[in-house]
PDB file of all heavy atoms in Angstrom:
ATOM      1  N   THR A   1      11.888  -3.738  -0.146  1.00  0.00           N
ATOM      2  CA  THR A   1      11.962  -2.814   0.965  1.00  0.00           C
ATOM      3  C   THR A   1      11.054  -3.324   2.018  1.00  0.00           C
ATOM      4  O   THR A   1      10.072  -4.083   1.731  1.00  0.00           O
ATOM      5  CB  THR A   1      11.529  -1.462   0.531  1.00  0.00           C
ATOM      6  OG1 THR A   1      10.148  -1.504   0.082  1.00  0.00           O
ATOM      7  CG2 THR A   1      12.451  -0.850  -0.563  1.00  0.00           C
ATOM      8  N   ASN A   2      11.354  -2.977   3.280  1.00  0.00           N
ATOM      9  CA  ASN A   2      10.530  -3.423   4.422  1.00  0.00           C
ATOM     10  C   ASN A   2      10.038  -2.295   5.246  1.00  0.00           C
ATOM     11  O   ASN A   2      10.537  -1.169   5.231  1.00  0.00           O
ATOM     12  CB  ASN A   2      11.268  -4.372   5.330  1.00  0.00           C
ATOM     13  CG  ASN A   2      12.296  -3.718   6.168  1.00  0.00           C
ATOM     14  OD1 ASN A   2      13.330  -3.278   5.601  1.00  0.00           O
ATOM     15  ND2 ASN A   2      12.090  -3.686   7.425  1.00  0.00           N
ATOM     16  N   GLY A   3       9.007  -2.563   5.978  1.00  0.00           N
ATOM     17  CA  GLY A   3       8.398  -1.446   6.840  1.00  0.00           C
ATOM     18  C   GLY A   3       7.304  -2.238   7.793  1.00  0.00           C
ATOM     19  O   GLY A   3       7.370  -3.422   7.849  1.00  0.00           O
ATOM     20  N   ILE A   4       6.463  -1.365   8.157  1.00  0.00           N
ATOM     21  CA  ILE A   4       5.321  -1.878   8.996  1.00  0.00           C
ATOM     22  C   ILE A   4       3.966  -1.453   8.400  1.00  0.00           C
ATOM     23  O   ILE A   4       3.910  -0.516   7.556  1.00  0.00           O
ATOM     24  CB  ILE A   4       5.394  -1.454  10.468  1.00  0.00           C
ATOM     25  CG1 ILE A   4       5.326   0.129  10.541  1.00  0.00           C
ATOM     26  CG2 ILE A   4       6.681  -1.918  11.094  1.00  0.00           C
ATOM     27  CD1 ILE A   4       5.126   0.630  11.943  1.00  0.00           C
ATOM     28  N   VAL A   5       2.911  -2.007   8.881  1.00  0.00           N
ATOM     29  CA  VAL A   5       1.573  -1.594   8.583  1.00  0.00           C
ATOM     30  C   VAL A   5       1.363  -0.356   9.467  1.00  0.00           C
ATOM     31  O   VAL A   5       1.402  -0.366  10.671  1.00  0.00           O
ATOM     32  CB  VAL A   5       0.511  -2.606   8.941  1.00  0.00           C
ATOM     33  CG1 VAL A   5      -0.888  -2.046   8.722  1.00  0.00           C
ATOM     34  CG2 VAL A   5       0.714  -3.838   8.074  1.00  0.00           C
ATOM     35  N   SER A   6       1.119   0.850   8.811  1.00  0.00           N
ATOM     36  CA  SER A   6       0.986   2.009   9.540  1.00  0.00           C
ATOM     37  C   SER A   6      -0.469   2.371   9.792  1.00  0.00           C
ATOM     38  O   SER A   6      -0.764   2.842  10.925  1.00  0.00           O
ATOM     39  CB  SER A   6       1.490   3.298   8.660  1.00  0.00           C
ATOM     40  OG  SER A   6       2.802   3.061   8.423  1.00  0.00           O
ATOM     41  N   ARG A   7      -1.335   2.018   8.957  1.00  0.00           N
ATOM     42  CA  ARG A   7      -2.867   2.184   9.174  1.00  0.00           C
ATOM     43  C   ARG A   7      -3.576   1.130   8.328  1.00  0.00           C
ATOM     44  O   ARG A   7      -2.962   0.663   7.342  1.00  0.00           O
ATOM     45  CB  ARG A   7      -3.368   3.488   8.703  1.00  0.00           C
ATOM     46  CG  ARG A   7      -3.074   4.627   9.691  1.00  0.00           C
ATOM     47  CD  ARG A   7      -3.913   5.838   9.457  1.00  0.00           C
ATOM     48  NE  ARG A   7      -3.720   6.363   8.108  1.00  0.00           N
ATOM     49  CZ  ARG A   7      -4.522   7.272   7.457  1.00  0.00           C
ATOM     50  NH1 ARG A   7      -5.637   7.666   8.029  1.00  0.00           N
ATOM     51  NH2 ARG A   7      -4.227   7.789   6.263  1.00  0.00           N
ATOM     52  N   LYS A   8      -4.772   0.845   8.641  1.00  0.00           N
ATOM     53  CA  LYS A   8      -5.647  -0.031   7.917  1.00  0.00           C
ATOM     54  C   LYS A   8      -6.906   0.666   7.524  1.00  0.00           C
ATOM     55  O   LYS A   8      -7.240   1.711   8.028  1.00  0.00           O
ATOM     56  CB  LYS A   8      -5.953  -1.334   8.684  1.00  0.00           C
ATOM     57  CG  LYS A   8      -4.828  -2.228   9.060  1.00  0.00           C
ATOM     58  CD  LYS A   8      -5.265  -3.365   9.961  1.00  0.00           C
ATOM     59  CE  LYS A   8      -6.326  -4.230   9.269  1.00  0.00           C
ATOM     60  NZ  LYS A   8      -6.750  -5.303  10.154  1.00  0.00           N
ATOM     61  N   ASN A   9      -7.582   0.152   6.396  1.00  0.00           N
ATOM     62  CA  ASN A   9      -8.914   0.695   5.965  1.00  0.00           C
ATOM     63  C   ASN A   9      -8.789   2.163   5.661  1.00  0.00           C
ATOM     64  O   ASN A   9      -9.663   2.978   6.086  1.00  0.00           O
ATOM     65  CB  ASN A   9     -10.038   0.412   7.089  1.00  0.00           C
ATOM     66  CG  ASN A   9     -10.213  -1.018   7.405  1.00  0.00           C
ATOM     67  OD1 ASN A   9     -10.152  -1.876   6.517  1.00  0.00           O
ATOM     68  ND2 ASN A   9     -10.223  -1.409   8.697  1.00  0.00           N
ATOM     69  N   VAL A  10      -7.766   2.540   4.915  1.00  0.00           N
ATOM     70  CA  VAL A  10      -7.534   3.923   4.621  1.00  0.00           C
ATOM     71  C   VAL A  10      -8.281   4.206   3.283  1.00  0.00           C
ATOM     72  O   VAL A  10      -8.265   3.378   2.355  1.00  0.00           O
ATOM     73  CB  VAL A  10      -5.992   4.169   4.518  1.00  0.00           C
ATOM     74  CG1 VAL A  10      -5.734   5.630   4.086  1.00  0.00           C
ATOM     75  CG2 VAL A  10      -5.336   3.825   5.779  1.00  0.00           C
ATOM     76  N   SER A  11      -8.731   5.419   3.154  1.00  0.00           N
ATOM     77  CA  SER A  11      -9.285   5.885   1.866  1.00  0.00           C
ATOM     78  C   SER A  11      -8.516   7.128   1.377  1.00  0.00           C
ATOM     79  O   SER A  11      -8.219   7.956   2.192  1.00  0.00           O
ATOM     80  CB  SER A  11     -10.741   6.302   2.028  1.00  0.00           C
ATOM     81  OG  SER A  11     -11.546   5.195   2.403  1.00  0.00           O
ATOM     82  N   ILE A  12      -8.147   7.133   0.092  1.00  0.00           N
ATOM     83  CA  ILE A  12      -7.390   8.238  -0.433  1.00  0.00           C
ATOM     84  C   ILE A  12      -7.983   8.594  -1.847  1.00  0.00           C
ATOM     85  O   ILE A  12      -8.516   7.669  -2.479  1.00  0.00           O
ATOM     86  CB  ILE A  12      -5.933   8.094  -0.537  1.00  0.00           C
ATOM     87  CG1 ILE A  12      -5.563   6.904  -1.497  1.00  0.00           C
ATOM     88  CG2 ILE A  12      -5.203   7.745   0.803  1.00  0.00           C
ATOM     89  CD1 ILE A  12      -4.106   6.788  -1.926  1.00  0.00           C
ATOM     90  N   THR A  13      -7.940   9.791  -2.187  1.00  0.00           N
ATOM     91  CA  THR A  13      -8.445  10.244  -3.553  1.00  0.00           C
ATOM     92  C   THR A  13      -7.148  10.522  -4.472  1.00  0.00           C
ATOM     93  O   THR A  13      -6.235  11.228  -4.059  1.00  0.00           O
ATOM     94  CB  THR A  13      -9.227  11.494  -3.483  1.00  0.00           C
ATOM     95  OG1 THR A  13     -10.433  11.235  -2.591  1.00  0.00           O
ATOM     96  CG2 THR A  13      -9.803  11.932  -4.786  1.00  0.00           C
ATOM     97  N   ASP A  14      -7.186   9.815  -5.550  1.00  0.00           N
ATOM     98  CA  ASP A  14      -6.043   9.872  -6.481  1.00  0.00           C
ATOM     99  C   ASP A  14      -6.145  11.149  -7.331  1.00  0.00           C
ATOM    100  O   ASP A  14      -7.103  11.986  -7.189  1.00  0.00           O
ATOM    101  CB  ASP A  14      -5.873   8.638  -7.380  1.00  0.00           C
ATOM    102  CG  ASP A  14      -7.015   8.464  -8.325  1.00  0.00           C
ATOM    103  OD1 ASP A  14      -7.782   9.416  -8.649  1.00  0.00           O
ATOM    104  OD2 ASP A  14      -7.148   7.264  -8.795  1.00  0.00           O
ATOM    105  N   GLU A  15      -5.196  11.353  -8.197  1.00  0.00           N
ATOM    106  CA  GLU A  15      -5.100  12.613  -8.958  1.00  0.00           C
ATOM    107  C   GLU A  15      -6.240  12.702 -10.035  1.00  0.00           C
ATOM    108  O   GLU A  15      -6.532  13.730 -10.580  1.00  0.00           O
ATOM    109  CB  GLU A  15      -3.803  12.608  -9.800  1.00  0.00           C
ATOM    110  CG  GLU A  15      -3.486  11.479 -10.821  1.00  0.00           C
ATOM    111  CD  GLU A  15      -2.966  10.225 -10.167  1.00  0.00           C
ATOM    112  OE1 GLU A  15      -2.839  10.220  -8.952  1.00  0.00           O
ATOM    113  OE2 GLU A  15      -2.649   9.293 -10.930  1.00  0.00           O
ATOM    114  N   THR A  16      -6.973  11.583 -10.291  1.00  0.00           N
ATOM    115  CA  THR A  16      -8.073  11.688 -11.277  1.00  0.00           C
ATOM    116  C   THR A  16      -9.314  11.994 -10.499  1.00  0.00           C
ATOM    117  O   THR A  16     -10.451  12.179 -11.043  1.00  0.00           O
ATOM    118  CB  THR A  16      -8.271  10.277 -11.950  1.00  0.00           C
ATOM    119  OG1 THR A  16      -8.722   9.337 -10.949  1.00  0.00           O
ATOM    120  CG2 THR A  16      -6.980   9.860 -12.511  1.00  0.00           C
ATOM    121  N   GLY A  17      -9.351  12.121  -9.134  1.00  0.00           N
ATOM    122  CA  GLY A  17     -10.479  12.393  -8.289  1.00  0.00           C
ATOM    123  C   GLY A  17     -11.255  11.122  -7.901  1.00  0.00           C
ATOM    124  O   GLY A  17     -12.236  11.244  -7.209  1.00  0.00           O
ATOM    125  N   LEU A  18     -10.729   9.939  -8.224  1.00  0.00           N
ATOM    126  CA  LEU A  18     -11.331   8.682  -7.835  1.00  0.00           C
ATOM    127  C   LEU A  18     -10.832   8.292  -6.373  1.00  0.00           C
ATOM    128  O   LEU A  18      -9.647   8.282  -6.156  1.00  0.00           O
ATOM    129  CB  LEU A  18     -11.003   7.589  -8.797  1.00  0.00           C
ATOM    130  CG  LEU A  18     -11.735   6.154  -8.590  1.00  0.00           C
ATOM    131  CD1 LEU A  18     -13.192   6.296  -8.703  1.00  0.00           C
ATOM    132  CD2 LEU A  18     -11.041   5.164  -9.523  1.00  0.00           C
ATOM    133  N   THR A  19     -11.719   7.978  -5.542  1.00  0.00           N
ATOM    134  CA  THR A  19     -11.469   7.622  -4.178  1.00  0.00           C
ATOM    135  C   THR A  19     -11.270   6.041  -4.158  1.00  0.00           C
ATOM    136  O   THR A  19     -12.116   5.266  -4.597  1.00  0.00           O
ATOM    137  CB  THR A  19     -12.497   8.013  -3.138  1.00  0.00           C
ATOM    138  OG1 THR A  19     -12.573   9.428  -3.185  1.00  0.00           O
ATOM    139  CG2 THR A  19     -12.082   7.578  -1.780  1.00  0.00           C
ATOM    140  N   ARG A  20     -10.188   5.611  -3.508  1.00  0.00           N
ATOM    141  CA  ARG A  20      -9.880   4.168  -3.370  1.00  0.00           C
ATOM    142  C   ARG A  20     -10.096   3.843  -1.852  1.00  0.00           C
ATOM    143  O   ARG A  20      -9.619   4.582  -0.999  1.00  0.00           O
ATOM    144  CB  ARG A  20      -8.501   3.829  -3.831  1.00  0.00           C
ATOM    145  CG  ARG A  20      -8.304   4.234  -5.290  1.00  0.00           C
ATOM    146  CD  ARG A  20      -7.203   3.509  -5.985  1.00  0.00           C
ATOM    147  NE  ARG A  20      -6.979   3.974  -7.375  1.00  0.00           N
ATOM    148  CZ  ARG A  20      -7.722   3.620  -8.385  1.00  0.00           C
ATOM    149  NH1 ARG A  20      -8.756   2.804  -8.195  1.00  0.00           N
ATOM    150  NH2 ARG A  20      -7.456   4.178  -9.555  1.00  0.00           N
ATOM    151  N   TYR A  21     -10.676   2.713  -1.618  1.00  0.00           N
ATOM    152  CA  TYR A  21     -11.134   2.404  -0.238  1.00  0.00           C
ATOM    153  C   TYR A  21     -10.342   1.099   0.274  1.00  0.00           C
ATOM    154  O   TYR A  21      -9.812   0.392  -0.545  1.00  0.00           O
ATOM    155  CB  TYR A  21     -12.573   2.072  -0.239  1.00  0.00           C
ATOM    156  CG  TYR A  21     -13.472   3.214  -0.598  1.00  0.00           C
ATOM    157  CD1 TYR A  21     -13.907   3.412  -1.922  1.00  0.00           C
ATOM    158  CD2 TYR A  21     -13.807   4.261   0.333  1.00  0.00           C
ATOM    159  CE1 TYR A  21     -14.571   4.478  -2.362  1.00  0.00           C
ATOM    160  CE2 TYR A  21     -14.547   5.352  -0.190  1.00  0.00           C
ATOM    161  CZ  TYR A  21     -14.929   5.467  -1.460  1.00  0.00           C
ATOM    162  OH  TYR A  21     -15.714   6.552  -1.824  1.00  0.00           O
ATOM    163  N   ASN A  22     -10.366   0.933   1.612  1.00  0.00           N
ATOM    164  CA  ASN A  22      -9.804  -0.266   2.157  1.00  0.00           C
ATOM    165  C   ASN A  22      -8.345  -0.514   1.823  1.00  0.00           C
ATOM    166  O   ASN A  22      -7.973  -1.616   1.584  1.00  0.00           O
ATOM    167  CB  ASN A  22     -10.652  -1.542   1.833  1.00  0.00           C
ATOM    168  CG  ASN A  22     -11.935  -1.516   2.456  1.00  0.00           C
ATOM    169  OD1 ASN A  22     -12.303  -1.003   3.530  1.00  0.00           O
ATOM    170  ND2 ASN A  22     -13.025  -2.057   1.656  1.00  0.00           N
ATOM    171  N   LEU A  23      -7.585   0.620   1.835  1.00  0.00           N
ATOM    172  CA  LEU A  23      -6.185   0.522   1.491  1.00  0.00           C
ATOM    173  C   LEU A  23      -5.398   0.259   2.766  1.00  0.00           C
ATOM    174  O   LEU A  23      -5.792   0.549   3.885  1.00  0.00           O
ATOM    175  CB  LEU A  23      -5.669   1.815   0.821  1.00  0.00           C
ATOM    176  CG  LEU A  23      -6.303   2.179  -0.460  1.00  0.00           C
ATOM    177  CD1 LEU A  23      -5.692   3.456  -0.963  1.00  0.00           C
ATOM    178  CD2 LEU A  23      -6.158   1.086  -1.551  1.00  0.00           C
ATOM    179  N   ILE A  24      -4.180  -0.406   2.612  1.00  0.00           N
ATOM    180  CA  ILE A  24      -3.252  -0.486   3.707  1.00  0.00           C
ATOM    181  C   ILE A  24      -2.136   0.495   3.555  1.00  0.00           C
ATOM    182  O   ILE A  24      -1.564   0.657   2.458  1.00  0.00           O
ATOM    183  CB  ILE A  24      -2.575  -1.916   3.596  1.00  0.00           C
ATOM    184  CG1 ILE A  24      -3.584  -3.011   3.651  1.00  0.00           C
ATOM    185  CG2 ILE A  24      -1.574  -2.174   4.693  1.00  0.00           C
ATOM    186  CD1 ILE A  24      -3.138  -4.388   3.208  1.00  0.00           C
ATOM    187  N   GLN A  25      -1.879   1.290   4.563  1.00  0.00           N
ATOM    188  CA  GLN A  25      -0.828   2.262   4.585  1.00  0.00           C
ATOM    189  C   GLN A  25       0.412   1.678   5.210  1.00  0.00           C
ATOM    190  O   GLN A  25       0.319   0.969   6.258  1.00  0.00           O
ATOM    191  CB  GLN A  25      -1.247   3.533   5.348  1.00  0.00           C
ATOM    192  CG  GLN A  25      -0.103   4.597   5.304  1.00  0.00           C
ATOM    193  CD  GLN A  25      -0.522   5.819   6.149  1.00  0.00           C
ATOM    194  OE1 GLN A  25      -1.668   6.240   6.167  1.00  0.00           O
ATOM    195  NE2 GLN A  25       0.515   6.409   6.838  1.00  0.00           N
ATOM    196  N   THR A  26       1.549   1.846   4.535  1.00  0.00           N
ATOM    197  CA  THR A  26       2.769   1.279   5.006  1.00  0.00           C
ATOM    198  C   THR A  26       3.924   2.317   4.823  1.00  0.00           C
ATOM    199  O   THR A  26       3.919   3.179   4.051  1.00  0.00           O
ATOM    200  CB  THR A  26       3.178  -0.016   4.274  1.00  0.00           C
ATOM    201  OG1 THR A  26       4.467  -0.422   4.778  1.00  0.00           O
ATOM    202  CG2 THR A  26       3.310   0.268   2.749  1.00  0.00           C
ATOM    203  N   ASN A  27       4.955   2.196   5.748  1.00  0.00           N
ATOM    204  CA  ASN A  27       6.086   3.087   5.537  1.00  0.00           C
ATOM    205  C   ASN A  27       7.257   2.316   4.792  1.00  0.00           C
ATOM    206  O   ASN A  27       8.350   2.904   4.630  1.00  0.00           O
ATOM    207  CB  ASN A  27       6.652   3.533   6.980  1.00  0.00           C
ATOM    208  CG  ASN A  27       7.177   2.335   7.801  1.00  0.00           C
ATOM    209  OD1 ASN A  27       6.955   1.181   7.558  1.00  0.00           O
ATOM    210  ND2 ASN A  27       7.975   2.744   8.792  1.00  0.00           N
ATOM    211  N   ALA A  28       6.986   1.125   4.292  1.00  0.00           N
ATOM    212  CA  ALA A  28       7.939   0.559   3.357  1.00  0.00           C
ATOM    213  C   ALA A  28       8.068   1.421   2.127  1.00  0.00           C
ATOM    214  O   ALA A  28       7.110   1.982   1.554  1.00  0.00           O
ATOM    215  CB  ALA A  28       7.426  -0.865   2.944  1.00  0.00           C
ATOM    216  N   ALA A  29       9.336   1.615   1.679  1.00  0.00           N
ATOM    217  CA  ALA A  29       9.663   2.522   0.645  1.00  0.00           C
ATOM    218  C   ALA A  29       8.881   2.062  -0.638  1.00  0.00           C
ATOM    219  O   ALA A  29       9.130   0.930  -1.104  1.00  0.00           O
ATOM    220  CB  ALA A  29      11.106   2.629   0.407  1.00  0.00           C
ATOM    221  N   ILE A  30       8.156   2.961  -1.247  1.00  0.00           N
ATOM    222  CA  ILE A  30       7.427   2.677  -2.504  1.00  0.00           C
ATOM    223  C   ILE A  30       7.992   3.722  -3.586  1.00  0.00           C
ATOM    224  O   ILE A  30       7.939   4.868  -3.260  1.00  0.00           O
ATOM    225  CB  ILE A  30       5.972   2.913  -2.428  1.00  0.00           C
ATOM    226  CG1 ILE A  30       5.345   2.006  -1.247  1.00  0.00           C
ATOM    227  CG2 ILE A  30       5.210   2.643  -3.611  1.00  0.00           C
ATOM    228  CD1 ILE A  30       5.619   0.466  -1.418  1.00  0.00           C
ATOM    229  N   ASN A  31       8.353   3.183  -4.698  1.00  0.00           N
ATOM    230  CA  ASN A  31       8.876   4.023  -5.781  1.00  0.00           C
ATOM    231  C   ASN A  31       8.229   3.698  -7.119  1.00  0.00           C
ATOM    232  O   ASN A  31       7.574   2.641  -7.242  1.00  0.00           O
ATOM    233  CB  ASN A  31      10.440   3.819  -5.858  1.00  0.00           C
ATOM    234  CG  ASN A  31      11.191   4.353  -4.692  1.00  0.00           C
ATOM    235  OD1 ASN A  31      11.317   5.557  -4.491  1.00  0.00           O
ATOM    236  ND2 ASN A  31      11.630   3.408  -3.838  1.00  0.00           N
ATOM    237  N   PRO A  32       8.333   4.620  -8.040  1.00  0.00           N
ATOM    238  CA  PRO A  32       7.825   4.341  -9.446  1.00  0.00           C
ATOM    239  C   PRO A  32       8.357   2.933  -9.920  1.00  0.00           C
ATOM    240  O   PRO A  32       9.564   2.737  -9.763  1.00  0.00           O
ATOM    241  CB  PRO A  32       8.349   5.490 -10.246  1.00  0.00           C
ATOM    242  CG  PRO A  32       8.482   6.596  -9.276  1.00  0.00           C
ATOM    243  CD  PRO A  32       8.985   6.082  -7.965  1.00  0.00           C
ATOM    244  N   GLY A  33       7.462   2.190 -10.457  1.00  0.00           N
ATOM    245  CA  GLY A  33       7.773   0.828 -10.904  1.00  0.00           C
ATOM    246  C   GLY A  33       7.376  -0.208  -9.918  1.00  0.00           C
ATOM    247  O   GLY A  33       7.181  -1.370 -10.306  1.00  0.00           O
ATOM    248  N   ASN A  34       7.119   0.201  -8.653  1.00  0.00           N
ATOM    249  CA  ASN A  34       6.647  -0.814  -7.608  1.00  0.00           C
ATOM    250  C   ASN A  34       5.120  -1.092  -7.903  1.00  0.00           C
ATOM    251  O   ASN A  34       4.630  -2.169  -7.381  1.00  0.00           O
ATOM    252  CB  ASN A  34       6.794  -0.196  -6.185  1.00  0.00           C
ATOM    253  CG  ASN A  34       8.126  -0.510  -5.569  1.00  0.00           C
ATOM    254  OD1 ASN A  34       8.917   0.300  -5.406  1.00  0.00           O
ATOM    255  ND2 ASN A  34       8.299  -1.821  -5.227  1.00  0.00           N
ATOM    256  N   SER A  35       4.401  -0.230  -8.558  1.00  0.00           N
ATOM    257  CA  SER A  35       3.034  -0.458  -8.790  1.00  0.00           C
ATOM    258  C   SER A  35       2.729  -1.855  -9.298  1.00  0.00           C
ATOM    259  O   SER A  35       3.287  -2.247 -10.309  1.00  0.00           O
ATOM    260  CB  SER A  35       2.471   0.649  -9.647  1.00  0.00           C
ATOM    261  OG  SER A  35       2.440   1.918  -9.137  1.00  0.00           O
ATOM    262  N   GLY A  36       1.763  -2.507  -8.709  1.00  0.00           N
ATOM    263  CA  GLY A  36       1.302  -3.777  -9.091  1.00  0.00           C
ATOM    264  C   GLY A  36       2.014  -4.913  -8.429  1.00  0.00           C
ATOM    265  O   GLY A  36       1.581  -6.049  -8.477  1.00  0.00           O
ATOM    266  N   GLY A  37       3.148  -4.646  -7.793  1.00  0.00           N
ATOM    267  CA  GLY A  37       3.821  -5.614  -7.054  1.00  0.00           C
ATOM    268  C   GLY A  37       3.195  -6.007  -5.714  1.00  0.00           C
ATOM    269  O   GLY A  37       2.300  -5.307  -5.235  1.00  0.00           O
ATOM    270  N   PRO A  38       3.651  -7.102  -5.064  1.00  0.00           N
ATOM    271  CA  PRO A  38       2.984  -7.595  -3.898  1.00  0.00           C
ATOM    272  C   PRO A  38       3.519  -6.859  -2.583  1.00  0.00           C
ATOM    273  O   PRO A  38       4.783  -6.591  -2.495  1.00  0.00           O
ATOM    274  CB  PRO A  38       3.312  -9.018  -3.842  1.00  0.00           C
ATOM    275  CG  PRO A  38       4.669  -9.088  -4.528  1.00  0.00           C
ATOM    276  CD  PRO A  38       4.620  -8.070  -5.558  1.00  0.00           C
ATOM    277  N   LEU A  39       2.640  -6.680  -1.646  1.00  0.00           N
ATOM    278  CA  LEU A  39       2.982  -6.308  -0.280  1.00  0.00           C
ATOM    279  C   LEU A  39       2.748  -7.620   0.487  1.00  0.00           C
ATOM    280  O   LEU A  39       1.596  -8.128   0.437  1.00  0.00           O
ATOM    281  CB  LEU A  39       2.213  -5.167   0.240  1.00  0.00           C
ATOM    282  CG  LEU A  39       2.597  -4.656   1.572  1.00  0.00           C
ATOM    283  CD1 LEU A  39       3.908  -3.919   1.522  1.00  0.00           C
ATOM    284  CD2 LEU A  39       1.437  -3.730   2.142  1.00  0.00           C
ATOM    285  N   VAL A  40       3.690  -8.150   1.077  1.00  0.00           N
ATOM    286  CA  VAL A  40       3.592  -9.485   1.787  1.00  0.00           C
ATOM    287  C   VAL A  40       3.884  -9.398   3.312  1.00  0.00           C
ATOM    288  O   VAL A  40       4.593  -8.519   3.777  1.00  0.00           O
ATOM    289  CB  VAL A  40       4.552 -10.510   1.183  1.00  0.00           C
ATOM    290  CG1 VAL A  40       4.336 -10.634  -0.372  1.00  0.00           C
ATOM    291  CG2 VAL A  40       6.087 -10.166   1.376  1.00  0.00           C
ATOM    292  N   ASN A  41       3.268 -10.381   3.937  1.00  0.00           N
ATOM    293  CA  ASN A  41       3.549 -10.456   5.364  1.00  0.00           C
ATOM    294  C   ASN A  41       4.692 -11.326   5.696  1.00  0.00           C
ATOM    295  O   ASN A  41       5.318 -11.762   4.820  1.00  0.00           O
ATOM    296  CB  ASN A  41       2.207 -10.988   6.143  1.00  0.00           C
ATOM    297  CG  ASN A  41       1.815 -12.350   5.633  1.00  0.00           C
ATOM    298  OD1 ASN A  41       2.583 -13.144   5.091  1.00  0.00           O
ATOM    299  ND2 ASN A  41       0.551 -12.693   5.835  1.00  0.00           N
ATOM    300  N   MET A  42       4.991 -11.636   6.916  1.00  0.00           N
ATOM    301  CA  MET A  42       6.215 -12.269   7.335  1.00  0.00           C
ATOM    302  C   MET A  42       6.101 -13.805   7.057  1.00  0.00           C
ATOM    303  O   MET A  42       7.057 -14.571   7.229  1.00  0.00           O
ATOM    304  CB  MET A  42       6.577 -12.039   8.808  1.00  0.00           C
ATOM    305  CG  MET A  42       6.922 -10.557   8.997  1.00  0.00           C
ATOM    306  SD  MET A  42       8.086  -9.811   7.796  1.00  0.00           S
ATOM    307  CE  MET A  42       9.497 -10.796   8.105  1.00  0.00           C
ATOM    308  N   ALA A  43       4.918 -14.260   6.628  1.00  0.00           N
ATOM    309  CA  ALA A  43       4.772 -15.659   6.177  1.00  0.00           C
ATOM    310  C   ALA A  43       4.969 -15.747   4.707  1.00  0.00           C
ATOM    311  O   ALA A  43       4.862 -16.890   4.135  1.00  0.00           O
ATOM    312  CB  ALA A  43       3.364 -16.123   6.562  1.00  0.00           C
ATOM    313  N   GLY A  44       5.248 -14.643   3.994  1.00  0.00           N
ATOM    314  CA  GLY A  44       5.484 -14.655   2.557  1.00  0.00           C
ATOM    315  C   GLY A  44       4.227 -14.699   1.862  1.00  0.00           C
ATOM    316  O   GLY A  44       4.152 -15.145   0.634  1.00  0.00           O
ATOM    317  N   GLU A  45       3.079 -14.293   2.425  1.00  0.00           N
ATOM    318  CA  GLU A  45       1.768 -14.241   1.767  1.00  0.00           C
ATOM    319  C   GLU A  45       1.426 -12.852   1.301  1.00  0.00           C
ATOM    320  O   GLU A  45       1.739 -11.890   2.077  1.00  0.00           O
ATOM    321  CB  GLU A  45       0.660 -14.688   2.760  1.00  0.00           C
ATOM    322  CG  GLU A  45       0.890 -16.172   3.260  1.00  0.00           C
ATOM    323  CD  GLU A  45      -0.016 -16.402   4.425  1.00  0.00           C
ATOM    324  OE1 GLU A  45      -0.494 -15.454   5.236  1.00  0.00           O
ATOM    325  OE2 GLU A  45      -0.427 -17.546   4.700  1.00  0.00           O
ATOM    326  N   VAL A  46       0.875 -12.770   0.071  1.00  0.00           N
ATOM    327  CA  VAL A  46       0.383 -11.451  -0.396  1.00  0.00           C
ATOM    328  C   VAL A  46      -0.767 -10.914   0.418  1.00  0.00           C
ATOM    329  O   VAL A  46      -1.803 -11.613   0.468  1.00  0.00           O
ATOM    330  CB  VAL A  46       0.047 -11.484  -1.896  1.00  0.00           C
ATOM    331  CG1 VAL A  46      -0.445 -10.118  -2.407  1.00  0.00           C
ATOM    332  CG2 VAL A  46       1.245 -11.974  -2.716  1.00  0.00           C
TER     333      VAL A  46
END
């Protein structure tokens, strides 16, 4: 799936209460099973 970088350096708190930092927010469609896969730029770099 494709999209754009929506925000950078985002912090969110997950369902366990743990906050994750320096995340990239994207509007590329993310679904169950995508976890652990790469988000790549247009040079094909992770």
